[in-house]
Amino acid sequence: MIRLGGGVSAWALVLTSVMASAQTGGRQAAMTRPSAEKDFFVTLPAEVRPVPEPAKPGQKVPGFPLRGIKGWKWTPEQYLAEIPVLAEYKMNFLMNCYLSMFDLENLQGGGNNWWLPLPEPKKRRYEEVVRSCRRHGVEFCFAMNPNLGSSRVLDYHSDKDLDDLWQHYAWMADLGVNWFSICLDDIHAGIDPKGQARLVNEVLRRLRSKNPKAQMVFCPTVYLGRAATDSDRQYLSALAAELHPDVYCFWTGNRCVGEITRDAAESFKKAIGHRLVIWDNYPVNDGNPTLHLGPVTERDPDLCEVVDGYMANPLCPQNEINRIPLITEADYAYNPLAYDSGRSIGQAIVHLAQTPEQRAVLKDLVEMYPGMLIEDTHRTNANPVVERFKDILDRPNSHWLAEVYLKHVQDVAARLARAFPDHFTDARQTLLQNVAEIRRISAERHGQCGEQP
């Protein structure tokens, strides 16, 4: 329903509805995705329900044994802030982003100095993360990617290189951590499946000499799709033959970003010959000044019958506002057969908001940034606010429409600051960045648009 209070915002919602219809007309709905032939509006529920959705008679829960999230270049403080949220919504898995292990204060040469000891203050903070996970019943998974953003590519056949990397895993093993990951995704050197398997197997062997319960999740260099090409099949076949049978493997779905179906999971699992954990690239923005806040969609309800885990990839740096889509992912991962994206996004908002004003502004914010799944862009940098403004400018007599739309975006930013003065600071900053970009685009086209925020 259109919010009638506030004048400008009501008109802007009418406008965005028109623009959304123009952008999405004719696409087909799929699985848990809301119909793309209709405008995306959130219906706020009359009552707060438990999330995840409780099981009905005959429904098996949890759907995925492993349910959680990774960071995206998050700081220890961000991990610590989100651990209680994971526990509240029955998630039980947290993996650090391997980018978090980089020297983020000095990115010269890429910042990935995997062969060096981590600074002691950084180690102490991550030890706090491990302890907090343990208190909240969340498995912490330690991850590194030695061959991404590194001036020294790890040699899979070098004992020295293996020892240099092992120091970090030994540190975490001594803390009692049970889950570990070696990630070799998005690399351009060291794409050798047999060498990769040798590295993973040896690290797992050493881990289990310290802790027989240690588990390993490997992210291969080929991590998406159905293994449709000859090169992909050759790579995955070599891994299937060489990797220790206990190793889990990450898989992002039918593509890097987008739908995730059971039949694609079965194809990839057959090719790699190991158990899978979904690395869901939603709502990740890869550090771009945009938000993806709509519910997770287009994930088959029976994926958990062939996949052992579900891990979401979040926004950065906006970890607080990330809780909106995260709650829908927790809902899906725990009880996928009962998952309803419309119900779930409404419940996510009312769980995070205490007052009618807070609920209304979060609803408006989600409708402004429905996410790359709803928008069907498959781009982590997709920005519906800026892109919709550009569409407005392409229409006849667009100047006054652009003024109304800009005022709506500014109105939501101001209301978000009033309703949540101590929260969502990063999200508010993103909104203001988008306002500045809109004003720049408008000035190029028509001259100055709107009043200064």
Protein backbone atom coordinates (compact mmCIF):
# COMPACT_ATOMS: atom_id res chain seq x y z
CA MET A 1 0.00 0.00 0.00
CA ILE A 2 1.13 3.57 -0.65
CA ARG A 3 2.00 5.56 2.43
CA LEU A 4 -0.17 8.68 2.35
CA GLY A 5 1.60 10.65 5.01
CA GLY A 6 4.29 13.16 4.13
CA GLY A 7 3.03 14.40 0.75
CA VAL A 8 6.24 14.19 -1.26
CA SER A 9 6.91 10.58 -0.24
CA ALA A 10 3.45 9.45 -1.31
CA TRP A 11 3.93 10.93 -4.77
CA ALA A 12 7.41 9.46 -4.96
CA LEU A 13 6.08 6.00 -4.19
CA VAL A 14 3.58 6.35 -7.01
CA LEU A 15 6.46 7.36 -9.26
CA THR A 16 8.72 4.49 -8.22
CA SER A 17 5.85 2.08 -8.76
CA VAL A 18 5.51 3.28 -12.34
CA MET A 19 9.26 3.00 -12.91
CA ALA A 20 9.43 -0.46 -11.36
CA SER A 21 6.65 -1.66 -13.63
CA ALA A 22 8.50 -0.35 -16.67
CA GLN A 23 11.67 -2.14 -15.62
CA THR A 24 10.21 -5.53 -14.69
CA GLY A 25 7.25 -6.00 -17.00
CA GLY A 26 7.02 -9.41 -18.62
CA ARG A 27 9.50 -11.35 -16.47
CA GLN A 28 8.33 -14.59 -14.94
CA ALA A 29 8.22 -15.33 -11.24
CA ALA A 30 10.41 -18.21 -10.08
CA MET A 31 10.21 -20.40 -7.00
CA THR A 32 10.24 -18.29 -3.82
CA ARG A 33 10.57 -15.03 -5.72
CA PRO A 34 7.67 -12.53 -5.53
CA SER A 35 5.99 -12.02 -8.88
CA ALA A 36 8.19 -9.76 -10.95
CA GLU A 37 5.12 -8.71 -12.92
CA LYS A 38 3.98 -6.70 -9.89
CA ASP A 39 5.55 -3.79 -8.07
CA PHE A 40 7.63 -4.75 -5.05
CA PHE A 41 5.93 -3.52 -1.90
CA VAL A 42 6.39 -4.82 1.63
CA THR A 43 3.31 -5.70 3.65
CA LEU A 44 3.93 -5.12 7.32
CA PRO A 45 2.31 -7.86 9.41
CA ALA A 46 -0.28 -7.18 12.06
CA GLU A 47 1.54 -9.37 14.55
CA VAL A 48 5.09 -10.40 15.24
CA ARG A 49 5.67 -14.07 14.52
CA PRO A 50 8.65 -16.22 15.49
CA VAL A 51 11.54 -16.22 13.02
CA PRO A 52 12.54 -18.69 11.73
CA GLU A 53 9.04 -19.96 10.95
CA PRO A 54 8.25 -22.86 13.32
CA ALA A 55 7.85 -26.28 11.76
CA LYS A 56 4.43 -27.66 11.03
CA PRO A 57 3.66 -31.35 11.64
CA GLY A 58 5.72 -33.43 9.23
CA GLN A 59 8.26 -30.71 8.46
CA LYS A 60 11.86 -31.52 9.30
CA VAL A 61 13.90 -28.72 10.85
CA PRO A 62 16.50 -27.50 10.62
CA GLY A 63 16.65 -27.76 6.87
CA PHE A 64 20.39 -27.11 6.50
CA PRO A 65 22.56 -28.48 9.34
CA LEU A 66 24.98 -25.55 8.87
CA ARG A 67 23.32 -22.13 8.69
CA GLY A 68 25.24 -18.91 8.86
CA ILE A 69 27.13 -16.04 7.37
CA LYS A 70 30.61 -14.89 6.44
CA GLY A 71 31.90 -11.38 6.80
CA TRP A 72 32.99 -9.20 3.89
CA LYS A 73 36.18 -7.45 4.97
CA TRP A 74 34.46 -6.93 8.33
CA THR A 75 36.33 -5.74 11.40
CA PRO A 76 36.40 -7.78 14.62
CA GLU A 77 33.91 -5.29 16.05
CA GLN A 78 31.45 -6.05 13.27
CA TYR A 79 31.74 -9.79 13.80
CA LEU A 80 31.19 -9.32 17.52
CA ALA A 81 28.09 -7.19 16.88
CA GLU A 82 26.49 -9.82 14.64
CA ILE A 83 27.14 -12.99 16.63
CA PRO A 84 24.16 -12.45 19.00
CA VAL A 85 21.93 -11.78 15.98
CA LEU A 86 22.97 -15.07 14.39
CA ALA A 87 22.19 -16.95 17.57
CA GLU A 88 18.82 -15.23 18.02
CA TYR A 89 17.68 -16.39 14.58
CA LYS A 90 19.01 -19.95 14.93
CA MET A 91 22.07 -19.59 12.76
CA ASN A 92 25.05 -21.62 13.93
CA PHE A 93 27.98 -20.79 11.62
CA LEU A 94 30.22 -17.74 11.20
CA MET A 95 33.19 -17.65 8.83
CA ASN A 96 35.60 -14.75 8.80
CA CYS A 97 36.17 -13.16 5.42
CA TYR A 98 39.68 -13.92 4.23
CA LEU A 99 39.92 -10.21 3.35
CA SER A 100 39.65 -9.52 7.09
CA MET A 101 42.98 -11.29 7.51
CA PHE A 102 44.69 -8.88 5.08
CA ASP A 103 46.71 -5.93 6.31
CA LEU A 104 43.81 -3.53 5.82
CA GLU A 105 45.83 -0.55 6.99
CA ASN A 106 48.46 -1.14 4.32
CA LEU A 107 47.13 -2.58 1.08
CA GLN A 108 50.32 -1.96 -0.85
CA GLY A 109 51.06 -5.11 -2.80
CA GLY A 110 47.50 -6.33 -2.18
CA GLY A 111 47.68 -6.50 1.61
CA ASN A 112 47.69 -10.30 1.76
CA ASN A 113 50.81 -11.17 3.74
CA TRP A 114 49.74 -14.72 4.58
CA TRP A 115 53.32 -15.88 5.30
CA LEU A 116 53.74 -13.36 8.16
CA PRO A 117 52.37 -13.62 11.70
CA LEU A 118 49.29 -11.52 12.33
CA PRO A 119 49.83 -8.51 14.60
CA GLU A 120 49.20 -9.41 18.23
CA PRO A 121 46.41 -6.81 18.78
CA LYS A 122 44.54 -8.24 15.79
CA LYS A 123 44.96 -11.77 17.09
CA ARG A 124 43.59 -10.79 20.49
CA ARG A 125 40.46 -9.29 18.89
CA TYR A 126 39.79 -12.40 16.83
CA GLU A 127 40.25 -14.53 19.91
CA GLU A 128 37.37 -12.50 21.38
CA VAL A 129 35.33 -13.38 18.29
CA VAL A 130 36.05 -17.08 18.86
CA ARG A 131 35.03 -16.85 22.51
CA SER A 132 31.83 -14.98 21.68
CA CYS A 133 30.88 -17.60 19.12
CA ARG A 134 31.40 -20.31 21.69
CA ARG A 135 29.20 -18.49 24.24
CA HIS A 136 26.41 -18.13 21.70
CA GLY A 137 26.51 -21.66 20.30
CA VAL A 138 27.90 -20.56 16.93
CA GLU A 139 30.66 -22.50 15.17
CA PHE A 140 33.46 -20.16 14.13
CA CYS A 141 35.15 -21.09 10.86
CA PHE A 142 38.61 -19.69 10.21
CA ALA A 143 39.42 -18.89 6.57
CA MET A 144 42.32 -17.62 4.49
CA ASN A 145 43.02 -17.26 0.77
CA PRO A 146 46.81 -17.19 0.28
CA ASN A 147 46.74 -16.56 -3.48
CA LEU A 148 44.40 -13.57 -3.76
CA GLY A 149 45.86 -10.07 -3.52
CA SER A 150 49.23 -11.50 -2.60
CA SER A 151 52.69 -10.58 -3.84
CA ARG A 152 53.82 -14.12 -3.01
CA VAL A 153 51.81 -16.95 -4.54
CA LEU A 154 51.77 -20.04 -2.35
CA ASP A 155 53.65 -22.98 -3.90
CA TYR A 156 51.59 -26.10 -3.18
CA HIS A 157 54.74 -28.24 -3.22
CA SER A 158 56.82 -26.06 -0.89
CA ASP A 159 57.08 -27.29 2.69
CA LYS A 160 58.12 -23.80 3.79
CA ASP A 161 55.05 -22.23 2.22
CA LEU A 162 52.86 -24.85 3.85
CA ASP A 163 54.43 -24.16 7.25
CA ASP A 164 54.03 -20.41 6.81
CA LEU A 165 50.33 -20.79 6.11
CA TRP A 166 49.90 -23.44 8.80
CA GLN A 167 50.89 -21.03 11.59
CA HIS A 168 47.51 -19.31 11.31
CA TYR A 169 45.49 -22.52 11.31
CA ALA A 170 47.54 -23.86 14.24
CA TRP A 171 46.72 -20.69 16.19
CA MET A 172 43.00 -21.20 15.68
CA ALA A 173 43.19 -24.94 16.35
CA ASP A 174 44.87 -24.21 19.69
CA LEU A 175 41.86 -22.00 20.54
CA GLY A 176 39.55 -25.00 20.12
CA VAL A 177 38.09 -23.98 16.76
CA ASN A 178 36.52 -26.93 14.91
CA TRP A 179 35.84 -25.50 11.44
CA PHE A 180 38.36 -24.22 8.93
CA SER A 181 38.38 -23.10 5.32
CA ILE A 182 41.00 -22.71 2.64
CA CYS A 183 39.66 -20.51 -0.14
CA LEU A 184 41.23 -20.42 -3.58
CA ASP A 185 38.44 -18.58 -5.40
CA ASP A 186 38.96 -15.65 -7.78
CA ILE A 187 42.69 -16.34 -8.12
CA HIS A 188 44.77 -15.98 -11.27
CA ALA A 189 47.83 -17.99 -10.22
CA GLY A 190 48.05 -21.41 -8.60
CA ILE A 191 45.08 -22.94 -10.46
CA ASP A 192 46.32 -26.50 -10.05
CA PRO A 193 43.66 -28.88 -8.69
CA LYS A 194 46.10 -31.58 -7.59
CA GLY A 195 48.33 -29.04 -5.87
CA GLN A 196 45.32 -27.43 -4.22
CA ALA A 197 44.12 -30.80 -2.96
CA ARG A 198 47.59 -31.53 -1.57
CA LEU A 199 47.49 -28.27 0.40
CA VAL A 200 43.96 -28.80 1.74
CA ASN A 201 44.58 -32.42 2.68
CA GLU A 202 47.81 -31.66 4.53
CA VAL A 203 46.28 -28.78 6.50
CA LEU A 204 43.34 -31.01 7.43
CA ARG A 205 45.73 -33.79 8.49
CA ARG A 206 47.61 -31.41 10.76
CA LEU A 207 44.38 -30.00 12.18
CA ARG A 208 43.09 -33.46 13.06
CA SER A 209 46.35 -34.31 14.76
CA LYS A 210 45.42 -31.51 17.17
CA ASN A 211 41.64 -31.98 17.14
CA PRO A 212 40.03 -35.13 15.69
CA LYS A 213 36.76 -33.17 15.26
CA ALA A 214 38.31 -30.62 12.87
CA GLN A 215 36.37 -30.01 9.66
CA MET A 216 37.48 -28.37 6.42
CA VAL A 217 35.46 -26.43 3.83
CA PHE A 218 37.35 -25.75 0.61
CA CYS A 219 36.39 -23.04 -1.86
CA PRO A 220 37.64 -24.23 -5.25
CA THR A 221 38.63 -21.94 -8.09
CA VAL A 222 35.63 -23.27 -10.04
CA TYR A 223 32.79 -22.63 -7.62
CA LEU A 224 29.59 -22.03 -9.60
CA GLY A 225 27.26 -23.51 -12.19
CA ARG A 226 26.76 -27.07 -13.34
CA ALA A 227 30.31 -27.97 -14.46
CA ALA A 228 29.18 -27.51 -18.04
CA THR A 229 32.52 -26.84 -19.77
CA ASP A 230 35.33 -29.29 -20.47
CA SER A 231 37.83 -27.22 -18.48
CA ASP A 232 35.52 -27.04 -15.47
CA ARG A 233 34.90 -30.79 -15.57
CA GLN A 234 38.60 -31.56 -15.83
CA TYR A 235 39.42 -29.29 -12.88
CA LEU A 236 36.59 -30.66 -10.72
CA SER A 237 37.31 -34.26 -11.66
CA ALA A 238 40.90 -33.86 -10.47
CA LEU A 239 39.68 -32.40 -7.17
CA ALA A 240 37.15 -35.21 -6.78
CA ALA A 241 39.94 -37.76 -7.09
CA GLU A 242 42.49 -36.03 -4.87
CA LEU A 243 40.60 -34.23 -2.07
CA HIS A 244 40.17 -36.00 1.26
CA PRO A 245 36.64 -37.47 1.29
CA ASP A 246 35.69 -35.55 4.46
CA VAL A 247 36.27 -32.13 2.87
CA TYR A 248 33.21 -29.99 2.17
CA CYS A 249 33.23 -27.68 -0.87
CA PHE A 250 31.69 -24.24 -1.32
CA TRP A 251 29.38 -23.59 -4.28
CA THR A 252 27.66 -20.27 -5.10
CA GLY A 253 24.76 -21.67 -7.11
CA ASN A 254 23.74 -21.74 -10.75
CA ARG A 255 25.87 -18.63 -11.27
CA CYS A 256 27.90 -16.28 -9.12
CA VAL A 257 24.76 -14.29 -8.21
CA GLY A 258 21.20 -15.41 -8.84
CA GLU A 259 19.03 -18.49 -8.59
CA ILE A 260 20.11 -21.66 -6.79
CA THR A 261 18.35 -24.85 -7.85
CA ARG A 262 18.46 -28.42 -6.69
CA ASP A 263 19.26 -29.86 -10.10
CA ALA A 264 22.27 -27.52 -10.51
CA ALA A 265 23.46 -28.48 -7.03
CA GLU A 266 23.21 -32.16 -7.91
CA SER A 267 25.21 -31.60 -11.12
CA PHE A 268 28.01 -29.73 -9.35
CA LYS A 269 28.08 -32.16 -6.43
CA LYS A 270 28.42 -35.10 -8.81
CA ALA A 271 31.28 -33.36 -10.63
CA ILE A 272 33.27 -32.45 -7.52
CA GLY A 273 32.42 -35.63 -5.60
CA HIS A 274 32.16 -33.97 -2.18
CA ARG A 275 29.56 -32.54 0.16
CA LEU A 276 28.51 -28.96 -0.56
CA VAL A 277 27.98 -25.81 1.44
CA ILE A 278 26.18 -23.00 -0.39
CA TRP A 279 28.10 -19.73 -0.43
CA ASP A 280 25.11 -17.50 -1.21
CA ASN A 281 26.25 -14.25 -2.80
CA TYR A 282 23.35 -12.30 -1.36
CA PRO A 283 23.01 -9.55 -0.17
CA VAL A 284 26.71 -8.76 -0.78
CA ASN A 285 27.52 -5.40 -2.39
CA ASP A 286 31.29 -6.01 -2.65
CA GLY A 287 31.93 -2.73 -0.82
CA ASN A 288 30.01 -0.63 -3.36
CA PRO A 289 27.80 2.28 -2.15
CA THR A 290 24.53 0.42 -2.55
CA LEU A 291 22.21 -1.79 -0.52
CA HIS A 292 20.34 -5.04 -1.19
CA LEU A 293 17.61 -5.28 1.42
CA GLY A 294 14.82 -7.40 -0.03
CA PRO A 295 14.21 -11.02 0.96
CA VAL A 296 16.29 -13.89 -0.34
CA THR A 297 14.46 -15.51 -3.27
CA GLU A 298 14.96 -18.11 -6.01
CA ARG A 299 16.34 -20.83 -3.75
CA ASP A 300 14.69 -24.22 -4.16
CA PRO A 301 12.88 -25.39 -1.03
CA ASP A 302 14.44 -28.87 -1.22
CA LEU A 303 18.07 -27.80 -1.64
CA CYS A 304 18.80 -29.02 1.86
CA GLU A 305 18.22 -32.59 0.66
CA VAL A 306 21.43 -32.44 -1.41
CA VAL A 307 23.42 -29.63 0.27
CA ASP A 308 24.74 -29.70 3.86
CA GLY A 309 25.12 -26.00 4.60
CA TYR A 310 24.00 -22.48 3.76
CA MET A 311 26.25 -19.45 4.24
CA ALA A 312 25.22 -15.91 3.30
CA ASN A 313 27.62 -13.24 2.01
CA PRO A 314 26.76 -9.84 3.53
CA LEU A 315 26.87 -6.14 2.85
CA CYS A 316 29.97 -4.12 3.64
CA PRO A 317 30.35 -1.94 5.58
CA GLN A 318 26.63 -1.91 6.46
CA ASN A 319 26.50 -4.88 8.82
CA GLU A 320 23.58 -3.51 10.86
CA ILE A 321 21.14 -2.95 7.99
CA ASN A 322 22.32 -6.29 6.61
CA ARG A 323 20.22 -7.85 9.39
CA ILE A 324 17.06 -7.25 7.33
CA PRO A 325 17.91 -9.67 4.50
CA LEU A 326 19.90 -11.86 6.91
CA ILE A 327 16.77 -12.63 8.92
CA THR A 328 15.04 -13.82 5.74
CA GLU A 329 18.04 -16.03 4.98
CA ALA A 330 17.90 -17.47 8.49
CA ASP A 331 14.19 -18.13 7.96
CA TYR A 332 14.87 -19.92 4.68
CA ALA A 333 17.86 -21.93 5.92
CA TYR A 334 16.07 -23.23 9.02
CA ASN A 335 12.70 -24.10 7.47
CA PRO A 336 12.98 -23.91 3.67
CA LEU A 337 9.77 -25.83 2.98
CA ALA A 338 7.73 -23.20 4.85
CA TYR A 339 9.66 -20.20 3.53
CA ASP A 340 7.56 -17.34 2.17
CA SER A 341 9.59 -14.33 1.07
CA GLY A 342 6.75 -11.82 1.51
CA ARG A 343 5.99 -12.99 5.03
CA SER A 344 9.67 -13.19 5.88
CA ILE A 345 10.64 -9.65 4.86
CA GLY A 346 7.69 -8.21 6.78
CA GLN A 347 8.70 -10.13 9.88
CA ALA A 348 12.34 -9.07 9.48
CA ILE A 349 11.29 -5.43 9.63
CA VAL A 350 9.01 -5.75 12.65
CA HIS A 351 11.64 -7.76 14.49
CA LEU A 352 14.15 -4.92 14.06
CA ALA A 353 11.77 -2.00 14.67
CA GLN A 354 10.03 -1.05 17.90
CA THR A 355 7.79 1.85 16.84
CA PRO A 356 5.43 2.59 13.92
CA GLU A 357 7.86 5.28 12.75
CA GLN A 358 10.74 2.80 12.68
CA ARG A 359 8.71 0.19 10.85
CA ALA A 360 7.53 2.67 8.25
CA VAL A 361 10.97 3.97 7.39
CA LEU A 362 12.51 0.48 7.17
CA LYS A 363 9.65 -0.52 4.87
CA ASP A 364 10.35 2.48 2.64
CA LEU A 365 14.07 1.73 2.67
CA VAL A 366 13.59 -1.90 1.64
CA GLU A 367 11.25 -0.84 -1.16
CA MET A 368 13.88 1.62 -2.40
CA TYR A 369 16.61 -1.05 -2.30
CA PRO A 370 14.77 -4.34 -3.01
CA GLY A 371 18.00 -6.09 -3.97
CA MET A 372 19.59 -7.63 -7.02
CA LEU A 373 17.43 -10.78 -6.77
CA ILE A 374 14.14 -8.89 -6.89
CA GLU A 375 15.49 -6.47 -9.49
CA ASP A 376 16.90 -9.42 -11.50
CA THR A 377 20.20 -7.66 -12.19
CA HIS A 378 22.67 -10.30 -10.93
CA ARG A 379 25.09 -7.45 -10.14
CA THR A 380 26.40 -6.88 -6.64
CA ASN A 381 26.99 -3.19 -7.50
CA ALA A 382 23.45 -2.67 -8.82
CA ASN A 383 21.99 0.51 -7.32
CA PRO A 384 18.21 0.72 -7.86
CA VAL A 385 17.99 4.22 -6.38
CA VAL A 386 20.51 5.77 -8.75
CA GLU A 387 19.49 3.63 -11.72
CA ARG A 388 15.81 4.45 -11.27
CA PHE A 389 16.69 8.14 -11.18
CA LYS A 390 18.51 7.75 -14.50
CA ASP A 391 15.41 6.08 -15.93
CA ILE A 392 13.30 9.01 -14.79
CA LEU A 393 15.62 11.45 -16.55
CA ASP A 394 15.18 9.50 -19.79
CA ARG A 395 11.44 10.25 -19.78
CA PRO A 396 9.80 13.33 -21.32
CA ASN A 397 9.31 16.29 -18.95
CA SER A 398 11.49 14.53 -16.43
CA HIS A 399 12.78 17.48 -14.44
CA TRP A 400 9.87 17.80 -12.01
CA LEU A 401 9.63 14.02 -11.64
CA ALA A 402 13.32 13.96 -10.77
CA GLU A 403 12.73 16.65 -8.13
CA VAL A 404 10.00 14.57 -6.49
CA TYR A 405 12.10 11.43 -6.52
CA LEU A 406 15.13 13.16 -5.04
CA LYS A 407 13.01 14.62 -2.26
CA HIS A 408 11.67 11.16 -1.49
CA VAL A 409 15.18 9.72 -1.14
CA GLN A 410 16.20 12.65 1.07
CA ASP A 411 13.02 12.21 3.13
CA VAL A 412 13.80 8.54 3.80
CA ALA A 413 17.37 9.41 4.81
CA ALA A 414 16.14 12.07 7.25
CA ARG A 415 13.47 9.80 8.73
CA LEU A 416 15.98 6.96 9.13
CA ALA A 417 18.26 9.28 11.12
CA ARG A 418 15.35 10.41 13.34
CA ALA A 419 13.96 6.94 13.92
CA PHE A 420 17.33 5.27 14.57
CA PRO A 421 19.70 7.98 15.83
CA ASP A 422 22.15 5.40 17.23
CA HIS A 423 21.92 2.76 14.51
CA PHE A 424 22.35 2.16 10.76
CA THR A 425 24.99 4.87 10.46
CA ASP A 426 26.63 3.14 7.49
CA ALA A 427 23.30 2.75 5.71
CA ARG A 428 22.53 6.45 6.21
CA GLN A 429 25.93 7.30 4.77
CA THR A 430 25.17 5.15 1.73
CA LEU A 431 21.88 6.99 1.24
CA LEU A 432 23.65 10.34 1.38
CA GLN A 433 26.25 9.13 -1.12
CA ASN A 434 23.43 8.13 -3.44
CA VAL A 435 21.76 11.53 -2.99
CA ALA A 436 25.03 13.21 -3.95
CA GLU A 437 25.32 10.99 -7.03
CA ILE A 438 21.73 11.78 -8.04
CA ARG A 439 22.40 15.49 -7.72
CA ARG A 440 25.57 15.17 -9.82
CA ILE A 441 23.74 13.28 -12.58
CA SER A 442 20.89 15.78 -12.56
CA ALA A 443 23.22 18.74 -12.72
CA GLU A 444 24.85 17.29 -15.81
CA ARG A 445 21.46 16.85 -17.47
CA HIS A 446 19.28 19.71 -16.28
CA GLY A 447 21.31 21.87 -13.93
CA GLN A 448 20.90 21.76 -10.16
CA CYS A 449 18.10 19.51 -8.88
CA GLY A 450 16.39 19.98 -5.57
CA GLU A 451 17.53 21.57 -2.36
CA GLN A 452 20.71 20.60 -0.58
CA PRO A 453 20.07 17.82 1.98
